[in-house]
């Protein structure tokens, strides 16, 4: 039996990707969001602490701030042979081990954005090298996900850099467009489609002539430089 803990974007993503949802339970404190997810995934059942003793696999889809309280209150309800897959990017394996009362902990990190993975039903999971034996099991549970071996620190850094640069771009682009007094509808559509389309095309090496000319110009003029030392 599996238990998904949490009811936000990450929990929704896990439930959407999970191939076999029977004998899967959902536990969370927010009754409204839990109820919504149970309606969306009718094969998933409501989880209660009284049934935790039957759970063999736990997916912790909580924010960093929710880990300690949940594990201190609930870890002893799980059987000794339970495996706890912790998924918060900013929480480390050593952190969780301090709170899980001796239960087995396996980092299972998402490199990417949960809401996007939920919509596309594909993405990238990362597990550390010392848990490589988990790869086959996780692949069976989440067949649409690519799974790679890397450290927790590498996932954290990638997600941090991606988030920082995305927010920087959003703020600067928003300022530039408003400086030109562009209509609100055009600004919104630029974020909704233009930005996503150009990023996708760039990754596929499929930029159109206009976009490719801009990319070549920026690279030749030295406007795209690394901010990293070394």
C-alpha atoms as a PDB file:
ATOM      1  CA  UNK A   1       0.000   0.000   0.000  1.00  0.00           C
ATOM      2  CA  UNK A   2       1.104   3.532  -0.805  1.00  0.00           C
ATOM      3  CA  UNK A   3       0.403   6.793   1.006  1.00  0.00           C
ATOM      4  CA  UNK A   4       0.697  10.262  -0.510  1.00  0.00           C
ATOM      5  CA  UNK A   5       1.066  12.926   2.185  1.00  0.00           C
ATOM      6  CA  UNK A   6       0.013  16.428   1.184  1.00  0.00           C
ATOM      7  CA  UNK A   7      -2.599  17.873  -1.151  1.00  0.00           C
ATOM      8  CA  UNK A   8      -0.820  20.587  -3.132  1.00  0.00           C
ATOM      9  CA  UNK A   9       0.784  20.671  -6.575  1.00  0.00           C
ATOM     10  CA  UNK A  10       3.346  17.987  -5.787  1.00  0.00           C
ATOM     11  CA  UNK A  11       0.776  15.548  -4.408  1.00  0.00           C
ATOM     12  CA  UNK A  12      -1.487  16.160  -7.401  1.00  0.00           C
ATOM     13  CA  UNK A  13       1.443  15.477  -9.712  1.00  0.00           C
ATOM     14  CA  UNK A  14       2.352  12.205  -7.956  1.00  0.00           C
ATOM     15  CA  UNK A  15      -1.236  10.944  -8.109  1.00  0.00           C
ATOM     16  CA  UNK A  16      -1.549  11.881 -11.786  1.00  0.00           C
ATOM     17  CA  UNK A  17       1.680  10.088 -12.719  1.00  0.00           C
ATOM     18  CA  UNK A  18       1.208   7.004 -10.559  1.00  0.00           C
ATOM     19  CA  UNK A  19       0.394   4.115 -12.896  1.00  0.00           C
ATOM     20  CA  UNK A  20      -1.542   1.986 -10.368  1.00  0.00           C
ATOM     21  CA  UNK A  21      -3.716   3.982  -7.984  1.00  0.00           C
ATOM     22  CA  UNK A  22      -5.537   1.122  -6.284  1.00  0.00           C
ATOM     23  CA  UNK A  23      -4.404   0.576  -2.701  1.00  0.00           C
ATOM     24  CA  UNK A  24      -3.165   4.165  -2.711  1.00  0.00           C
ATOM     25  CA  UNK A  25      -4.160   6.521   0.103  1.00  0.00           C
ATOM     26  CA  UNK A  26      -4.074  10.303   0.440  1.00  0.00           C
ATOM     27  CA  UNK A  27      -3.514  12.098   3.732  1.00  0.00           C
ATOM     28  CA  UNK A  28      -3.527  15.861   4.283  1.00  0.00           C
ATOM     29  CA  UNK A  29      -4.675  18.522   6.715  1.00  0.00           C
ATOM     30  CA  UNK A  30      -6.517  20.676   4.171  1.00  0.00           C
ATOM     31  CA  UNK A  31      -9.902  18.971   3.851  1.00  0.00           C
ATOM     32  CA  UNK A  32     -10.926  21.029   0.824  1.00  0.00           C
ATOM     33  CA  UNK A  33      -7.885  20.238  -1.328  1.00  0.00           C
ATOM     34  CA  UNK A  34      -7.837  16.612  -0.165  1.00  0.00           C
ATOM     35  CA  UNK A  35     -11.501  16.294  -1.157  1.00  0.00           C
ATOM     36  CA  UNK A  36     -10.808  17.800  -4.571  1.00  0.00           C
ATOM     37  CA  UNK A  37      -7.991  15.333  -5.237  1.00  0.00           C
ATOM     38  CA  UNK A  38     -10.096  12.380  -4.102  1.00  0.00           C
ATOM     39  CA  UNK A  39     -12.787  13.432  -6.569  1.00  0.00           C
ATOM     40  CA  UNK A  40     -10.192  13.794  -9.337  1.00  0.00           C
ATOM     41  CA  UNK A  41      -8.671  10.384  -8.598  1.00  0.00           C
ATOM     42  CA  UNK A  42     -11.572   8.125  -7.537  1.00  0.00           C
ATOM     43  CA  UNK A  43      -9.349   5.046  -7.098  1.00  0.00           C
ATOM     44  CA  UNK A  44      -7.428   6.828  -4.323  1.00  0.00           C
ATOM     45  CA  UNK A  45      -8.761   6.440  -0.784  1.00  0.00           C
ATOM     46  CA  UNK A  46      -8.752   8.757   2.211  1.00  0.00           C
ATOM     47  CA  UNK A  47      -5.811   8.023   4.491  1.00  0.00           C
ATOM     48  CA  UNK A  48      -6.181   7.890   8.266  1.00  0.00           C
ATOM     49  CA  UNK A  49      -3.516   7.421  10.932  1.00  0.00           C
ATOM     50  CA  UNK A  50      -5.329   4.276  12.047  1.00  0.00           C
ATOM     51  CA  UNK A  51      -4.416   2.680   8.696  1.00  0.00           C
ATOM     52  CA  UNK A  52      -0.791   3.844   8.590  1.00  0.00           C
ATOM     53  CA  UNK A  53       0.380   0.495   9.989  1.00  0.00           C
ATOM     54  CA  UNK A  54      -0.504  -1.121   6.627  1.00  0.00           C
ATOM     55  CA  UNK A  55       1.463   1.366   4.519  1.00  0.00           C
ATOM     56  CA  UNK A  56       4.684   0.177   2.867  1.00  0.00           C
ATOM     57  CA  UNK A  57       5.575   3.251   0.795  1.00  0.00           C
ATOM     58  CA  UNK A  58       5.110   6.912   1.745  1.00  0.00           C
ATOM     59  CA  UNK A  59       5.513   9.841  -0.658  1.00  0.00           C
ATOM     60  CA  UNK A  60       6.104  13.001   1.353  1.00  0.00           C
ATOM     61  CA  UNK A  61       4.691  15.841  -0.770  1.00  0.00           C
ATOM     62  CA  UNK A  62       4.860  18.452   1.964  1.00  0.00           C
ATOM     63  CA  UNK A  63       6.591  21.840   2.028  1.00  0.00           C
ATOM     64  CA  UNK A  64       9.791  22.004   4.038  1.00  0.00           C
ATOM     65  CA  UNK A  65       7.966  23.562   6.985  1.00  0.00           C
ATOM     66  CA  UNK A  66       5.574  20.626   7.284  1.00  0.00           C
ATOM     67  CA  UNK A  67       8.090  17.797   7.507  1.00  0.00           C
ATOM     68  CA  UNK A  68       9.135  17.871  11.147  1.00  0.00           C
ATOM     69  CA  UNK A  69       5.640  18.131  12.592  1.00  0.00           C
ATOM     70  CA  UNK A  70       4.182  15.383  10.415  1.00  0.00           C
ATOM     71  CA  UNK A  71       7.009  12.917  11.031  1.00  0.00           C
ATOM     72  CA  UNK A  72       7.214  13.580  14.753  1.00  0.00           C
ATOM     73  CA  UNK A  73       3.461  12.991  15.031  1.00  0.00           C
ATOM     74  CA  UNK A  74       3.128  10.107  12.576  1.00  0.00           C
ATOM     75  CA  UNK A  75       6.374   8.176  12.045  1.00  0.00           C
ATOM     76  CA  UNK A  76       5.675   5.711  14.850  1.00  0.00           C
ATOM     77  CA  UNK A  77       2.361   4.738  13.230  1.00  0.00           C
ATOM     78  CA  UNK A  78       4.158   3.279  10.194  1.00  0.00           C
ATOM     79  CA  UNK A  79       5.603  -0.260  10.178  1.00  0.00           C
ATOM     80  CA  UNK A  80       9.349  -0.670  10.656  1.00  0.00           C
ATOM     81  CA  UNK A  81       9.855  -1.788   7.055  1.00  0.00           C
ATOM     82  CA  UNK A  82       8.171   1.282   5.520  1.00  0.00           C
ATOM     83  CA  UNK A  83      10.083   3.327   2.922  1.00  0.00           C
ATOM     84  CA  UNK A  84       9.626   7.079   3.069  1.00  0.00           C
ATOM     85  CA  UNK A  85      10.281   8.876  -0.236  1.00  0.00           C
ATOM     86  CA  UNK A  86      10.901  12.495   0.573  1.00  0.00           C
ATOM     87  CA  UNK A  87      10.383  14.968  -2.250  1.00  0.00           C
ATOM     88  CA  UNK A  88      10.881  18.521  -0.951  1.00  0.00           C
ATOM     89  CA  UNK A  89      13.848  19.964  -2.838  1.00  0.00           C
ATOM     90  CA  UNK A  90      15.066  22.083   0.076  1.00  0.00           C
ATOM     91  CA  UNK A  91      15.027  19.195   2.591  1.00  0.00           C
ATOM     92  CA  UNK A  92      17.949  16.773   2.758  1.00  0.00           C
ATOM     93  CA  UNK A  93      18.025  13.075   3.565  1.00  0.00           C
ATOM     94  CA  UNK A  94      19.898  13.770   6.810  1.00  0.00           C
ATOM     95  CA  UNK A  95      17.193  16.250   7.869  1.00  0.00           C
ATOM     96  CA  UNK A  96      14.433  13.701   7.371  1.00  0.00           C
ATOM     97  CA  UNK A  97      16.330  10.932   9.132  1.00  0.00           C
ATOM     98  CA  UNK A  98      16.354  13.030  12.303  1.00  0.00           C
ATOM     99  CA  UNK A  99      12.551  13.080  12.330  1.00  0.00           C
ATOM    100  CA  UNK A 100      11.548   9.682  10.910  1.00  0.00           C
ATOM    101  CA  UNK A 101      12.307   7.621  14.061  1.00  0.00           C
ATOM    102  CA  UNK A 102      14.597   5.119  12.353  1.00  0.00           C
ATOM    103  CA  UNK A 103      12.434   4.478   9.286  1.00  0.00           C
ATOM    104  CA  UNK A 104      14.080   4.069   5.869  1.00  0.00           C
ATOM    105  CA  UNK A 105      14.335   7.341   3.926  1.00  0.00           C
ATOM    106  CA  UNK A 106      14.915   7.635   0.161  1.00  0.00           C
ATOM    107  CA  UNK A 107      15.246  11.045  -1.559  1.00  0.00           C
ATOM    108  CA  UNK A 108      13.057  11.259  -4.669  1.00  0.00           C
ATOM    109  CA  UNK A 109      13.440  14.723  -6.130  1.00  0.00           C
ATOM    110  CA  UNK A 110      11.745  16.435  -9.062  1.00  0.00           C
ATOM    111  CA  UNK A 111      13.988  18.393 -11.402  1.00  0.00           C
ATOM    112  CA  UNK A 112      11.418  20.766 -12.808  1.00  0.00           C
ATOM    113  CA  UNK A 113       8.046  22.253 -11.885  1.00  0.00           C
ATOM    114  CA  UNK A 114       5.280  20.079 -10.454  1.00  0.00           C
ATOM    115  CA  UNK A 115       2.408  21.912 -12.152  1.00  0.00           C
ATOM    116  CA  UNK A 116       4.050  21.620 -15.580  1.00  0.00           C
ATOM    117  CA  UNK A 117       4.795  17.921 -15.067  1.00  0.00           C
ATOM    118  CA  UNK A 118       1.203  17.408 -13.935  1.00  0.00           C
ATOM    119  CA  UNK A 119      -0.091  18.948 -17.165  1.00  0.00           C
ATOM    120  CA  UNK A 120       2.374  17.235 -19.494  1.00  0.00           C
ATOM    121  CA  UNK A 121       2.380  13.911 -17.596  1.00  0.00           C
ATOM    122  CA  UNK A 122       6.121  13.589 -18.069  1.00  0.00           C
ATOM    123  CA  UNK A 123       9.222  14.903 -16.380  1.00  0.00           C
ATOM    124  CA  UNK A 124      12.436  14.012 -14.560  1.00  0.00           C
ATOM    125  CA  UNK A 125      12.927  12.339 -11.182  1.00  0.00           C
ATOM    126  CA  UNK A 126      16.330  12.217  -9.508  1.00  0.00           C
ATOM    127  CA  UNK A 127      17.569   9.700  -6.935  1.00  0.00           C
ATOM    128  CA  UNK A 128      21.028   9.706  -5.282  1.00  0.00           C
ATOM    129  CA  UNK A 129      23.695   7.177  -6.329  1.00  0.00           C
ATOM    130  CA  UNK A 130      23.482   5.226  -3.045  1.00  0.00           C
ATOM    131  CA  UNK A 131      19.808   4.421  -3.752  1.00  0.00           C
ATOM    132  CA  UNK A 132      20.308   3.291  -7.338  1.00  0.00           C
ATOM    133  CA  UNK A 133      18.526   0.008  -6.553  1.00  0.00           C
ATOM    134  CA  UNK A 134      15.277   2.011  -6.276  1.00  0.00           C
ATOM    135  CA  UNK A 135      15.377   2.954  -9.943  1.00  0.00           C
ATOM    136  CA  UNK A 136      13.510  -0.087 -11.265  1.00  0.00           C
ATOM    137  CA  UNK A 137      10.713   0.156  -8.691  1.00  0.00           C
ATOM    138  CA  UNK A 138      10.182   3.869  -9.259  1.00  0.00           C
ATOM    139  CA  UNK A 139      10.202   3.326 -13.024  1.00  0.00           C
ATOM    140  CA  UNK A 140       7.379   0.799 -12.679  1.00  0.00           C
ATOM    141  CA  UNK A 141       5.312   3.160 -10.550  1.00  0.00           C
ATOM    142  CA  UNK A 142       5.947   6.205 -12.781  1.00  0.00           C
ATOM    143  CA  UNK A 143       6.543   4.863 -16.314  1.00  0.00           C
ATOM    144  CA  UNK A 144       6.156   8.252 -18.010  1.00  0.00           C
ATOM    145  CA  UNK A 145       8.952   9.806 -15.939  1.00  0.00           C
ATOM    146  CA  UNK A 146      12.611   9.791 -16.816  1.00  0.00           C
ATOM    147  CA  UNK A 147      14.762   8.877 -13.812  1.00  0.00           C
ATOM    148  CA  UNK A 148      18.425   9.788 -13.421  1.00  0.00           C
ATOM    149  CA  UNK A 149      21.077   9.302 -10.765  1.00  0.00           C
ATOM    150  CA  UNK A 150      22.376  12.534  -9.219  1.00  0.00           C
ATOM    151  CA  UNK A 151      22.781  14.183  -5.834  1.00  0.00           C
ATOM    152  CA  UNK A 152      20.198  16.147  -3.877  1.00  0.00           C
ATOM    153  CA  UNK A 153      22.501  19.176  -4.032  1.00  0.00           C
ATOM    154  CA  UNK A 154      22.551  19.080  -7.827  1.00  0.00           C
ATOM    155  CA  UNK A 155      18.749  19.067  -8.036  1.00  0.00           C
ATOM    156  CA  UNK A 156      18.511  21.890  -5.516  1.00  0.00           C
ATOM    157  CA  UNK A 157      21.042  24.010  -7.413  1.00  0.00           C
ATOM    158  CA  UNK A 158      19.356  23.421 -10.778  1.00  0.00           C
ATOM    159  CA  UNK A 159      15.922  24.299  -9.407  1.00  0.00           C
ATOM    160  CA  UNK A 160      17.282  27.372  -7.621  1.00  0.00           C
ATOM    161  CA  UNK A 161      19.104  28.693 -10.692  1.00  0.00           C
ATOM    162  CA  UNK A 162      16.146  28.002 -12.953  1.00  0.00           C
ATOM    163  CA  UNK A 163      13.739  29.739 -10.586  1.00  0.00           C
ATOM    164  CA  UNK A 164      16.005  32.755 -10.072  1.00  0.00           C
ATOM    165  CA  UNK A 165      16.579  33.312 -13.774  1.00  0.00           C
ATOM    166  CA  UNK A 166      12.911  32.777 -14.651  1.00  0.00           C
ATOM    167  CA  UNK A 167      11.818  35.347 -12.088  1.00  0.00           C
ATOM    168  CA  UNK A 168      14.540  37.757 -13.199  1.00  0.00           C
ATOM    169  CA  UNK A 169      13.378  37.440 -16.799  1.00  0.00           C
ATOM    170  CA  UNK A 170       9.719  37.902 -15.840  1.00  0.00           C
ATOM    171  CA  UNK A 171      10.432  41.068 -13.853  1.00  0.00           C
ATOM    172  CA  UNK A 172      12.680  42.622 -16.507  1.00  0.00           C
ATOM    173  CA  UNK A 173      10.412  41.715 -19.429  1.00  0.00           C
ATOM    174  CA  UNK A 174       7.364  43.047 -17.617  1.00  0.00           C
ATOM    175  CA  UNK A 175       9.159  46.359 -16.973  1.00  0.00           C
ATOM    176  CA  UNK A 176      10.311  46.655 -20.596  1.00  0.00           C
ATOM    177  CA  UNK A 177       6.866  46.006 -22.049  1.00  0.00           C
ATOM    178  CA  UNK A 178       5.168  48.428 -19.662  1.00  0.00           C
ATOM    179  CA  UNK A 179       7.779  51.057 -20.495  1.00  0.00           C
ATOM    180  CA  UNK A 180       6.483  50.860 -24.072  1.00  0.00           C
ATOM    181  CA  UNK A 181       2.868  51.171 -22.826  1.00  0.00           C
ATOM    182  CA  UNK A 182       1.829  47.903 -24.473  1.00  0.00           C
ATOM    183  CA  UNK A 183      -1.788  46.812 -23.942  1.00  0.00           C
ATOM    184  CA  UNK A 184      -2.349  44.505 -20.989  1.00  0.00           C
ATOM    185  CA  UNK A 185      -3.773  41.789 -23.239  1.00  0.00           C
ATOM    186  CA  UNK A 186      -0.575  41.715 -25.329  1.00  0.00           C
ATOM    187  CA  UNK A 187       1.639  41.621 -22.232  1.00  0.00           C
ATOM    188  CA  UNK A 188      -0.345  38.686 -20.881  1.00  0.00           C
ATOM    189  CA  UNK A 189      -0.225  36.811 -24.174  1.00  0.00           C
ATOM    190  CA  UNK A 190       3.522  37.352 -24.457  1.00  0.00           C
ATOM    191  CA  UNK A 191       4.024  35.571 -21.142  1.00  0.00           C
ATOM    192  CA  UNK A 192       1.430  32.895 -21.919  1.00  0.00           C
ATOM    193  CA  UNK A 193       2.672  31.917 -25.368  1.00  0.00           C
ATOM    194  CA  UNK A 194       5.664  33.775 -26.777  1.00  0.00           C
ATOM    195  CA  UNK A 195       8.054  33.048 -23.909  1.00  0.00           C
ATOM    196  CA  UNK A 196       7.059  29.377 -23.614  1.00  0.00           C
ATOM    197  CA  UNK A 197       7.173  28.865 -27.369  1.00  0.00           C
ATOM    198  CA  UNK A 198      10.618  30.383 -27.785  1.00  0.00           C
ATOM    199  CA  UNK A 199      12.060  28.379 -24.870  1.00  0.00           C
ATOM    200  CA  UNK A 200      10.648  25.132 -26.262  1.00  0.00           C
ATOM    201  CA  UNK A 201      11.958  25.891 -29.744  1.00  0.00           C
ATOM    202  CA  UNK A 202      15.400  26.826 -28.417  1.00  0.00           C
ATOM    203  CA  UNK A 203      15.674  23.520 -26.537  1.00  0.00           C
ATOM    204  CA  UNK A 204      14.687  21.621 -29.696  1.00  0.00           C
ATOM    205  CA  UNK A 205      17.170  23.655 -31.770  1.00  0.00           C
ATOM    206  CA  UNK A 206      14.170  24.712 -33.835  1.00  0.00           C
ATOM    207  CA  UNK A 207      14.112  28.508 -33.586  1.00  0.00           C
ATOM    208  CA  UNK A 208      12.409  30.378 -36.382  1.00  0.00           C
ATOM    209  CA  UNK A 209      14.365  32.825 -38.513  1.00  0.00           C
ATOM    210  CA  UNK A 210      13.400  35.887 -36.451  1.00  0.00           C
ATOM    211  CA  UNK A 211      14.260  34.230 -33.116  1.00  0.00           C
ATOM    212  CA  UNK A 212      17.469  32.695 -34.456  1.00  0.00           C
ATOM    213  CA  UNK A 213      18.653  36.071 -35.685  1.00  0.00           C
ATOM    214  CA  UNK A 214      18.093  37.538 -32.212  1.00  0.00           C
ATOM    215  CA  UNK A 215      19.917  34.623 -30.537  1.00  0.00           C
ATOM    216  CA  UNK A 216      22.881  34.952 -32.886  1.00  0.00           C
ATOM    217  CA  UNK A 217      23.035  38.705 -32.317  1.00  0.00           C
ATOM    218  CA  UNK A 218      22.963  38.362 -28.522  1.00  0.00           C
ATOM    219  CA  UNK A 219      25.717  35.750 -28.556  1.00  0.00           C
ATOM    220  CA  UNK A 220      27.913  37.682 -30.984  1.00  0.00           C
ATOM    221  CA  UNK A 221      27.506  40.916 -29.063  1.00  0.00           C
ATOM    222  CA  UNK A 222      28.412  39.202 -25.799  1.00  0.00           C
ATOM    223  CA  UNK A 223      25.049  39.983 -24.231  1.00  0.00           C
ATOM    224  CA  UNK A 224      24.700  36.416 -22.986  1.00  0.00           C
ATOM    225  CA  UNK A 225      27.432  35.904 -20.417  1.00  0.00           C
ATOM    226  CA  UNK A 226      27.843  33.600 -17.435  1.00  0.00           C
ATOM    227  CA  UNK A 227      27.488  35.193 -14.028  1.00  0.00           C
ATOM    228  CA  UNK A 228      29.317  32.259 -12.465  1.00  0.00           C
ATOM    229  CA  UNK A 229      32.938  32.563 -11.367  1.00  0.00           C
ATOM    230  CA  UNK A 230      35.352  30.345 -13.266  1.00  0.00           C
END
